[in-house]
Amino acid sequence: MSSLAEIERAAEALPPDQLEHLFVWLSGRLRYRQHNNRSTHGVLDIAPVSLGRMVRPLDRDDDLLGEMLEDRQ
């Protein structure tokens, strides 16, 4: 069988128990391919971005989240 139409016709001719077996096999193959074809990437794959020069160095008393939230509308 070389086309999807041929496979569909052959599947229609299967008895219910073999059709169910085929379905289970196909769904397993699909899950396997989806799992193994995922492209994995992480934060280290992101290219560095320059934000300009630092106005002042950060110290342990800086509340960056608080400063960002103060400017939220």
N, C-alpha and C. Protein backbone atom coordinates (compact mmCIF):
# COMPACT_ATOMS: atom_id res chain seq x y z
N MET A 1 0.84 -1.18 0.00
CA MET A 1 0.00 0.00 0.00
C MET A 1 0.88 1.23 0.00
N SER A 2 0.59 2.11 -0.91
CA SER A 2 1.47 3.26 -1.04
C SER A 2 0.75 4.59 -0.85
N SER A 3 -0.56 4.56 -0.64
CA SER A 3 -1.25 5.84 -0.45
C SER A 3 -2.19 5.75 0.75
N LEU A 4 -2.51 6.88 1.28
CA LEU A 4 -3.41 6.93 2.42
C LEU A 4 -4.79 6.39 2.05
N ALA A 5 -5.24 6.65 0.85
CA ALA A 5 -6.54 6.15 0.41
C ALA A 5 -6.56 4.62 0.43
N GLU A 6 -5.48 3.99 -0.01
CA GLU A 6 -5.40 2.52 0.02
C GLU A 6 -5.43 2.00 1.45
N ILE A 7 -4.72 2.66 2.32
CA ILE A 7 -4.68 2.25 3.72
C ILE A 7 -6.06 2.41 4.36
N GLU A 8 -6.74 3.51 4.04
CA GLU A 8 -8.08 3.73 4.59
C GLU A 8 -9.06 2.65 4.12
N ARG A 9 -8.97 2.29 2.84
CA ARG A 9 -9.85 1.23 2.32
C ARG A 9 -9.57 -0.10 3.01
N ALA A 10 -8.29 -0.40 3.22
CA ALA A 10 -7.92 -1.65 3.88
C ALA A 10 -8.38 -1.64 5.34
N ALA A 11 -8.28 -0.50 6.00
CA ALA A 11 -8.70 -0.40 7.40
C ALA A 11 -10.21 -0.60 7.52
N GLU A 12 -10.97 -0.10 6.55
CA GLU A 12 -12.42 -0.27 6.57
C GLU A 12 -12.82 -1.75 6.50
N ALA A 13 -11.98 -2.56 5.89
CA ALA A 13 -12.29 -3.98 5.72
C ALA A 13 -11.93 -4.82 6.95
N LEU A 14 -11.23 -4.23 7.91
CA LEU A 14 -10.81 -4.99 9.09
C LEU A 14 -11.97 -5.26 10.03
N PRO A 15 -11.94 -6.40 10.71
CA PRO A 15 -12.94 -6.65 11.75
C PRO A 15 -12.69 -5.71 12.94
N PRO A 16 -13.70 -5.47 13.77
CA PRO A 16 -13.57 -4.49 14.86
C PRO A 16 -12.37 -4.71 15.79
N ASP A 17 -12.06 -5.94 16.15
CA ASP A 17 -10.94 -6.16 17.06
C ASP A 17 -9.60 -5.79 16.42
N GLN A 18 -9.44 -6.09 15.13
CA GLN A 18 -8.20 -5.72 14.44
C GLN A 18 -8.14 -4.22 14.19
N LEU A 19 -9.28 -3.60 13.95
CA LEU A 19 -9.34 -2.15 13.76
C LEU A 19 -8.93 -1.45 15.06
N GLU A 20 -9.40 -1.95 16.19
CA GLU A 20 -9.01 -1.37 17.47
C GLU A 20 -7.51 -1.55 17.71
N HIS A 21 -6.98 -2.73 17.37
CA HIS A 21 -5.54 -2.98 17.51
C HIS A 21 -4.75 -1.99 16.65
N LEU A 22 -5.21 -1.77 15.43
CA LEU A 22 -4.56 -0.80 14.54
C LEU A 22 -4.59 0.60 15.13
N PHE A 23 -5.73 0.98 15.68
CA PHE A 23 -5.87 2.31 16.28
C PHE A 23 -4.89 2.48 17.44
N VAL A 24 -4.80 1.49 18.31
CA VAL A 24 -3.88 1.56 19.44
C VAL A 24 -2.44 1.66 18.95
N TRP A 25 -2.10 0.88 17.94
CA TRP A 25 -0.74 0.92 17.39
C TRP A 25 -0.43 2.29 16.78
N LEU A 26 -1.38 2.82 15.99
CA LEU A 26 -1.16 4.12 15.34
C LEU A 26 -1.05 5.24 16.37
N SER A 27 -1.89 5.22 17.38
CA SER A 27 -1.81 6.29 18.39
C SER A 27 -0.48 6.20 19.16
N GLY A 28 0.00 4.99 19.40
CA GLY A 28 1.31 4.84 20.04
C GLY A 28 2.43 5.37 19.17
N ARG A 29 2.37 5.09 17.87
CA ARG A 29 3.38 5.61 16.94
C ARG A 29 3.34 7.13 16.90
N LEU A 30 2.15 7.70 16.91
CA LEU A 30 2.01 9.15 16.87
C LEU A 30 2.60 9.78 18.13
N ARG A 31 2.28 9.23 19.29
CA ARG A 31 2.84 9.76 20.54
C ARG A 31 4.36 9.64 20.55
N TYR A 32 4.88 8.52 20.06
CA TYR A 32 6.34 8.32 20.01
C TYR A 32 6.99 9.38 19.13
N ARG A 33 6.43 9.60 17.95
CA ARG A 33 7.00 10.60 17.04
C ARG A 33 6.91 12.00 17.60
N GLN A 34 5.77 12.34 18.20
CA GLN A 34 5.62 13.67 18.77
C GLN A 34 6.62 13.89 19.89
N HIS A 35 6.82 12.88 20.71
CA HIS A 35 7.75 12.98 21.83
C HIS A 35 9.19 13.10 21.35
N ASN A 36 9.57 12.34 20.34
CA ASN A 36 10.96 12.31 19.88
C ASN A 36 11.30 13.39 18.87
N ASN A 37 10.32 14.06 18.30
CA ASN A 37 10.60 15.10 17.32
C ASN A 37 10.54 16.50 17.90
N ARG A 38 10.34 16.57 19.21
CA ARG A 38 10.30 17.90 19.83
C ARG A 38 11.68 18.52 19.76
N SER A 39 11.69 19.78 19.42
CA SER A 39 12.97 20.49 19.46
C SER A 39 13.12 21.06 20.87
N THR A 40 14.16 20.65 21.54
CA THR A 40 14.38 21.13 22.89
C THR A 40 15.24 22.38 22.84
N HIS A 41 14.88 23.32 23.65
CA HIS A 41 15.67 24.53 23.74
C HIS A 41 15.54 25.06 25.16
N GLY A 42 16.46 25.87 25.53
CA GLY A 42 16.46 26.42 26.88
C GLY A 42 16.87 27.88 26.86
N VAL A 43 16.96 28.42 28.03
CA VAL A 43 17.29 29.84 28.16
C VAL A 43 18.69 30.13 27.61
N LEU A 44 19.56 29.16 27.62
CA LEU A 44 20.91 29.38 27.11
C LEU A 44 20.95 29.49 25.59
N ASP A 45 19.87 29.10 24.92
CA ASP A 45 19.81 29.21 23.46
C ASP A 45 19.43 30.62 22.99
N ILE A 46 18.99 31.46 23.91
CA ILE A 46 18.59 32.83 23.55
C ILE A 46 19.84 33.68 23.37
N ALA A 47 19.88 34.40 22.27
CA ALA A 47 21.05 35.25 21.99
C ALA A 47 21.11 36.40 22.99
N PRO A 48 22.31 36.80 23.41
CA PRO A 48 22.45 37.92 24.34
C PRO A 48 21.94 39.22 23.71
N VAL A 49 21.41 40.09 24.56
CA VAL A 49 20.88 41.37 24.10
C VAL A 49 21.51 42.46 24.95
N SER A 50 21.94 43.52 24.32
CA SER A 50 22.50 44.64 25.05
C SER A 50 21.39 45.62 25.41
N LEU A 51 21.32 45.98 26.69
CA LEU A 51 20.33 46.95 27.15
C LEU A 51 20.95 48.32 27.39
N GLY A 52 22.17 48.48 26.97
CA GLY A 52 22.85 49.77 27.17
C GLY A 52 23.74 49.72 28.40
N ARG A 53 24.25 50.87 28.77
CA ARG A 53 25.17 50.91 29.92
C ARG A 53 24.40 50.94 31.23
N MET A 54 25.03 50.46 32.28
CA MET A 54 24.41 50.48 33.60
C MET A 54 24.50 51.86 34.20
N VAL A 55 23.39 52.30 34.79
CA VAL A 55 23.39 53.60 35.46
C VAL A 55 24.17 53.50 36.76
N ARG A 56 23.92 52.44 37.50
CA ARG A 56 24.67 52.17 38.73
C ARG A 56 24.66 50.67 38.96
N PRO A 57 25.67 50.15 39.62
CA PRO A 57 25.68 48.71 39.89
C PRO A 57 24.58 48.33 40.88
N LEU A 58 24.09 47.11 40.77
CA LEU A 58 23.07 46.61 41.68
C LEU A 58 23.71 46.20 42.99
N ASP A 59 22.99 46.40 44.09
CA ASP A 59 23.46 45.88 45.37
C ASP A 59 22.34 45.07 46.01
N ARG A 60 22.57 44.53 47.19
CA ARG A 60 21.61 43.62 47.78
C ARG A 60 20.34 44.30 48.26
N ASP A 61 20.29 45.63 48.33
CA ASP A 61 19.10 46.33 48.79
C ASP A 61 18.18 46.74 47.64
N ASP A 62 18.58 46.45 46.41
CA ASP A 62 17.73 46.83 45.26
C ASP A 62 16.49 45.95 45.19
N ASP A 63 15.34 46.58 44.96
CA ASP A 63 14.07 45.87 44.81
C ASP A 63 13.63 46.05 43.36
N LEU A 64 14.19 45.23 42.48
CA LEU A 64 13.92 45.40 41.05
C LEU A 64 12.46 45.13 40.71
N LEU A 65 11.87 44.11 41.30
CA LEU A 65 10.47 43.81 41.01
C LEU A 65 9.58 44.95 41.48
N GLY A 66 9.82 45.46 42.65
CA GLY A 66 9.04 46.59 43.14
C GLY A 66 9.14 47.80 42.23
N GLU A 67 10.35 48.07 41.74
CA GLU A 67 10.55 49.21 40.84
C GLU A 67 9.80 48.99 39.52
N MET A 68 9.82 47.76 39.01
CA MET A 68 9.12 47.48 37.76
C MET A 68 7.61 47.63 37.95
N LEU A 69 7.10 47.16 39.08
CA LEU A 69 5.67 47.21 39.32
C LEU A 69 5.18 48.63 39.59
N GLU A 70 6.02 49.50 40.10
CA GLU A 70 5.62 50.89 40.34
C GLU A 70 5.25 51.60 39.04
N ASP A 71 5.90 51.25 37.95
CA ASP A 71 5.64 51.92 36.67
C ASP A 71 4.49 51.29 35.90
N ARG A 72 3.88 50.22 36.42
CA ARG A 72 2.76 49.57 35.71
C ARG A 72 1.54 50.46 35.74
N GLN A 73 0.81 50.42 34.65
CA GLN A 73 -0.41 51.23 34.56
C GLN A 73 -1.58 50.45 35.07
